[in-house]
Amino acid sequence: MARVFSRLGDWRVERTALDPSGLRVGFVPTMGALHAGHRSLLERARAENDRVVMSVFVNPAQFDDPADLKRYPRTLGADLELAGGLADYVLAPDRDEMYPDNYRYRVSESGLSARMEGAHRPGHFEGVLTVVLKLLNLVRPHRAYFGEKDWQQLELVRGMASALFLPVEIIACPTVRDADGLALSSRNRRLSSGGRRLAAAFPRILRQSPAPALAAKALGEAGFGVDYVEEIEGVRLGAVRLEDVRLIDNVRL
């Protein structure tokens, strides 16, 4: 069973004790509400490292909508069960532990973060990069694992690690999908049964449409509210709204 740390001071003592061991440490950051996609990250981390650390922290700094933050599921007990046998340590701090400065100090990026998710969710990537940097400093992993479903986030974390000379390898892991093609997401559970069936059309339309504008048009006609469809570096990315649930995905062309 993983050891759970809610106080970061206690975790720092534990992490320092690992230093002389020479053990390789893998890290999987999460906001909880775990699903099979998270488990795939943990399985890879387990296979490639001697010790695995997982964080469970619903990061308020990356939510632009307070109602969305309030609705986000908190399921720590179930998360610990799903991570059973894979994580050695779980960091589960509260907001005051993670932001003793009350979020006065932040990490920003001036290029990619202004597009797509950044354009539709002001401040989102400042919150993401800030909390990821904090967690990487706390865990000091040799490798950190991120899913490709959040492609823009993955690219920004990679860029931050390189720009700030962080001694960590950022590992990209393939998107895990349900049998009908929908990318696994903690938000999927908020869809009705009818909404869940319709949601499967999202990745299919992204992949099959000849151009981003045509994909956006087809998604709108199918019943989605479309935030954006864009292409960058051979990847087509999209964000849609369905039944007050926001879904993101990307496909390689």
Protein backbone atom coordinates (compact mmCIF):
# COMPACT_ATOMS: atom_id res chain seq x y z
CA MET A 1 0.00 0.00 0.00
CA ALA A 2 1.32 3.44 -0.91
CA ARG A 3 2.34 5.79 1.86
CA VAL A 4 0.28 8.97 1.71
CA PHE A 5 1.76 12.34 2.58
CA SER A 6 -0.51 15.33 3.13
CA ARG A 7 2.18 17.45 4.79
CA LEU A 8 4.99 18.42 2.46
CA GLY A 9 7.48 18.80 5.31
CA ASP A 10 7.06 15.11 6.10
CA TRP A 11 7.49 14.24 2.43
CA ARG A 12 10.73 16.23 2.18
CA VAL A 13 12.21 14.22 5.02
CA GLU A 14 11.22 10.99 3.26
CA ARG A 15 12.56 12.17 -0.11
CA THR A 16 15.90 13.18 1.40
CA ALA A 17 16.24 9.69 2.90
CA LEU A 18 16.01 8.25 -0.63
CA ASP A 19 18.96 10.25 -1.95
CA PRO A 20 21.80 7.97 -0.75
CA SER A 21 20.04 4.89 -2.11
CA GLY A 22 20.71 5.64 -5.77
CA LEU A 23 17.21 4.42 -6.61
CA ARG A 24 15.56 5.77 -9.75
CA VAL A 25 12.39 7.73 -9.02
CA GLY A 26 9.45 8.03 -11.42
CA PHE A 27 6.67 10.56 -10.96
CA VAL A 28 3.05 10.70 -12.15
CA PRO A 29 1.27 13.99 -11.38
CA THR A 30 -2.55 13.80 -11.27
CA MET A 31 -5.58 15.72 -10.10
CA GLY A 32 -7.20 12.52 -8.89
CA ALA A 33 -10.42 10.97 -10.20
CA LEU A 34 -8.15 8.33 -11.66
CA HIS A 35 -9.06 6.09 -14.60
CA ALA A 36 -7.32 3.53 -16.79
CA GLY A 37 -5.34 6.26 -18.54
CA HIS A 38 -3.72 7.26 -15.26
CA ARG A 39 -3.10 3.61 -14.46
CA SER A 40 -1.21 3.22 -17.76
CA LEU A 41 1.10 6.08 -16.72
CA LEU A 42 1.67 4.42 -13.35
CA GLU A 43 2.36 1.06 -14.98
CA ARG A 44 5.02 2.56 -17.22
CA ALA A 45 6.57 4.44 -14.31
CA ARG A 46 6.61 1.20 -12.30
CA ALA A 47 8.33 -0.66 -15.14
CA GLU A 48 11.03 1.96 -15.64
CA ASN A 49 11.90 3.03 -12.08
CA ASP A 50 12.75 1.69 -8.64
CA ARG A 51 10.28 3.92 -6.81
CA VAL A 52 7.09 5.60 -8.04
CA VAL A 53 5.58 8.79 -6.64
CA MET A 54 2.07 9.93 -7.56
CA SER A 55 0.52 13.26 -6.65
CA VAL A 56 -3.21 13.86 -6.16
CA PHE A 57 -3.90 17.58 -6.08
CA VAL A 58 -6.84 19.40 -7.64
CA ASN A 59 -4.95 22.54 -8.59
CA PRO A 60 -7.18 25.61 -8.16
CA ALA A 61 -4.73 27.83 -10.02
CA GLN A 62 -5.46 26.20 -13.38
CA PHE A 63 -9.26 26.59 -13.25
CA ASP A 64 -10.66 29.73 -14.88
CA ASP A 65 -14.22 28.79 -13.83
CA PRO A 66 -14.89 28.45 -10.06
CA ALA A 67 -17.94 26.29 -10.77
CA ASP A 68 -15.79 23.86 -12.77
CA LEU A 69 -13.35 23.62 -9.86
CA LYS A 70 -16.20 22.95 -7.45
CA ARG A 71 -17.60 20.17 -9.67
CA TYR A 72 -14.27 18.43 -10.15
CA PRO A 73 -14.52 14.99 -8.47
CA ARG A 74 -12.48 14.27 -5.34
CA THR A 75 -12.11 10.50 -4.95
CA LEU A 76 -8.90 9.91 -3.00
CA GLY A 77 -9.99 6.56 -1.56
CA ALA A 78 -10.81 5.14 -4.99
CA ASP A 79 -7.64 6.70 -6.42
CA LEU A 80 -5.49 4.89 -3.86
CA GLU A 81 -7.19 1.61 -4.75
CA LEU A 82 -6.56 2.10 -8.47
CA ALA A 83 -2.91 2.97 -7.83
CA GLY A 84 -2.49 -0.05 -5.57
CA GLY A 85 0.72 -1.95 -6.23
CA LEU A 86 2.02 0.74 -8.59
CA ALA A 87 2.73 3.83 -6.47
CA ASP A 88 5.06 3.69 -3.48
CA TYR A 89 4.26 7.21 -2.31
CA VAL A 90 1.29 9.52 -2.81
CA LEU A 91 1.46 13.27 -2.26
CA ALA A 92 -1.99 14.59 -1.37
CA PRO A 93 -1.48 18.13 -0.04
CA ASP A 94 -4.13 20.80 0.34
CA ARG A 95 -4.05 24.26 -1.22
CA ASP A 96 -2.30 25.91 1.73
CA GLU A 97 0.50 23.36 1.61
CA MET A 98 1.03 23.86 -2.14
CA TYR A 99 0.59 27.63 -2.16
CA PRO A 100 2.04 29.06 1.08
CA ASP A 101 2.68 32.25 -0.94
CA ASN A 102 -1.03 32.42 -1.88
CA TYR A 103 0.00 31.99 -5.54
CA ARG A 104 2.02 35.22 -5.67
CA TYR A 105 4.88 33.52 -7.55
CA ARG A 106 3.97 32.05 -10.92
CA VAL A 107 5.53 30.50 -14.02
CA SER A 108 4.47 31.90 -17.39
CA GLU A 109 5.29 31.16 -21.03
CA SER A 110 4.83 33.70 -23.81
CA GLY A 111 4.24 31.64 -26.96
CA LEU A 112 2.35 28.36 -27.19
CA SER A 113 0.45 29.03 -23.95
CA ALA A 114 -1.47 31.89 -25.60
CA ARG A 115 -3.08 29.58 -28.18
CA MET A 116 -5.90 27.04 -28.04
CA GLU A 117 -6.45 26.17 -24.35
CA GLY A 118 -4.65 29.32 -23.26
CA ALA A 119 -6.85 31.53 -25.43
CA HIS A 120 -10.05 29.99 -24.05
CA ARG A 121 -8.96 29.55 -20.43
CA PRO A 122 -7.12 32.67 -19.24
CA GLY A 123 -4.43 31.89 -16.69
CA HIS A 124 -4.77 28.13 -17.17
CA PHE A 125 -1.21 27.40 -18.20
CA GLU A 126 0.29 29.70 -15.59
CA GLY A 127 -1.47 27.50 -13.06
CA VAL A 128 -0.35 24.29 -14.75
CA LEU A 129 3.30 25.24 -15.14
CA THR A 130 3.51 26.67 -11.64
CA VAL A 131 2.15 23.56 -9.95
CA VAL A 132 4.19 21.20 -12.15
CA LEU A 133 7.39 23.07 -11.29
CA LYS A 134 6.51 22.93 -7.58
CA LEU A 135 5.83 19.20 -7.79
CA LEU A 136 9.01 18.46 -9.76
CA ASN A 137 11.03 20.36 -7.15
CA LEU A 138 9.33 18.44 -4.34
CA VAL A 139 9.65 14.97 -5.88
CA ARG A 140 12.97 15.44 -7.71
CA PRO A 141 12.19 12.52 -10.04
CA HIS A 142 14.48 11.11 -12.69
CA ARG A 143 11.47 10.69 -14.99
CA ALA A 144 8.00 12.30 -15.01
CA TYR A 145 5.09 10.86 -17.01
CA PHE A 146 2.44 12.85 -18.88
CA GLY A 147 -0.35 11.71 -21.22
CA GLU A 148 -0.45 12.82 -24.84
CA LYS A 149 -4.16 13.63 -24.57
CA ASP A 150 -3.12 16.96 -23.05
CA TRP A 151 -0.72 17.62 -25.94
CA GLN A 152 -0.38 21.36 -25.38
CA GLN A 153 0.30 20.86 -21.68
CA LEU A 154 2.88 18.18 -22.48
CA GLU A 155 4.73 20.47 -24.91
CA LEU A 156 4.76 23.33 -22.41
CA VAL A 157 6.05 21.12 -19.60
CA ARG A 158 8.78 19.80 -21.88
CA GLY A 159 9.73 23.34 -22.83
CA MET A 160 9.77 24.50 -19.21
CA ALA A 161 11.97 21.58 -18.13
CA SER A 162 14.44 22.38 -20.89
CA ALA A 163 14.41 26.16 -20.42
CA LEU A 164 14.86 25.97 -16.64
CA PHE A 165 17.48 23.18 -16.79
CA LEU A 166 15.41 20.80 -14.69
CA PRO A 167 17.19 17.45 -14.15
CA VAL A 168 14.21 15.35 -15.20
CA GLU A 169 13.23 13.39 -18.30
CA ILE A 170 9.68 14.16 -19.43
CA ILE A 171 8.08 10.98 -20.76
CA ALA A 172 5.10 11.19 -23.14
CA CYS A 173 2.60 8.32 -22.90
CA PRO A 174 -0.03 7.48 -25.54
CA THR A 175 -3.66 8.50 -25.04
CA VAL A 176 -5.82 5.70 -23.66
CA ARG A 177 -9.24 5.43 -25.30
CA ASP A 178 -12.48 3.59 -24.74
CA ALA A 179 -13.55 1.01 -27.31
CA ASP A 180 -15.54 3.67 -29.21
CA GLY A 181 -12.49 5.93 -29.50
CA LEU A 182 -13.29 8.56 -26.85
CA ALA A 183 -10.21 9.54 -24.87
CA LEU A 184 -10.48 8.61 -21.21
CA SER A 185 -11.07 11.64 -19.02
CA SER A 186 -12.25 12.31 -15.50
CA ARG A 187 -14.87 14.62 -17.04
CA ASN A 188 -16.52 11.84 -19.08
CA ARG A 189 -18.36 10.58 -15.99
CA ARG A 190 -20.38 13.81 -15.91
CA LEU A 191 -22.01 13.06 -19.28
CA SER A 192 -25.46 11.52 -19.54
CA SER A 193 -25.72 8.19 -21.36
CA GLY A 194 -26.86 10.01 -24.51
CA GLY A 195 -24.11 12.59 -24.19
CA ARG A 196 -21.55 9.84 -23.72
CA ARG A 197 -22.66 8.16 -26.97
CA LEU A 198 -22.43 11.45 -28.85
CA ALA A 199 -19.01 12.23 -27.38
CA ALA A 200 -17.50 9.33 -29.33
CA ALA A 201 -18.03 11.35 -32.52
CA PHE A 202 -15.54 13.99 -31.31
CA PRO A 203 -12.26 12.14 -32.05
CA ARG A 204 -13.76 10.55 -35.16
CA ILE A 205 -14.65 13.93 -36.68
CA LEU A 206 -11.26 15.37 -35.70
CA ARG A 207 -9.52 12.53 -37.49
CA GLN A 208 -11.68 12.22 -40.60
CA SER A 209 -12.29 15.85 -41.58
CA PRO A 210 -10.11 17.19 -44.41
CA ALA A 211 -9.35 20.50 -42.67
CA PRO A 212 -9.74 22.17 -39.25
CA ALA A 213 -12.54 24.49 -40.40
CA LEU A 214 -14.49 21.53 -41.79
CA ALA A 215 -13.96 19.60 -38.54
CA ALA A 216 -15.29 22.56 -36.53
CA LYS A 217 -18.32 22.80 -38.83
CA ALA A 218 -19.03 19.06 -38.59
CA LEU A 219 -18.71 19.11 -34.80
CA GLY A 220 -21.16 22.00 -34.56
CA GLU A 221 -23.63 20.22 -36.80
CA ALA A 222 -23.31 17.08 -34.65
CA GLY A 223 -24.38 18.99 -31.55
CA PHE A 224 -21.12 20.11 -29.94
CA GLY A 225 -20.23 23.63 -28.90
CA VAL A 226 -16.84 24.21 -30.50
CA ASP A 227 -14.11 26.23 -28.77
CA TYR A 228 -11.45 25.56 -31.39
CA VAL A 229 -9.98 23.13 -33.88
CA GLU A 230 -6.35 23.82 -34.82
CA GLU A 231 -3.38 22.05 -36.31
CA ILE A 232 0.22 22.32 -35.16
CA GLU A 233 3.24 20.13 -35.92
CA GLY A 234 1.16 17.43 -37.58
CA VAL A 235 -1.33 17.25 -34.71
CA ARG A 236 -4.97 18.33 -34.93
CA LEU A 237 -6.30 19.56 -31.60
CA GLY A 238 -9.82 20.42 -30.56
CA ALA A 239 -11.92 21.45 -27.60
CA VAL A 240 -15.70 21.12 -27.45
CA ARG A 241 -18.51 21.52 -24.95
CA LEU A 242 -21.26 18.98 -24.47
CA GLU A 243 -23.88 19.03 -21.70
CA ASP A 244 -21.84 21.63 -19.81
CA VAL A 245 -18.82 19.33 -19.95
CA ARG A 246 -15.67 20.50 -21.74
CA LEU A 247 -13.74 17.84 -23.66
CA ILE A 248 -10.33 18.13 -25.32
CA ASP A 249 -8.59 15.72 -27.67
CA ASN A 250 -5.96 15.55 -30.38
CA VAL A 251 -5.11 13.20 -33.22
CA ARG A 252 -1.99 12.77 -35.30
CA LEU A 253 -2.61 13.40 -38.98
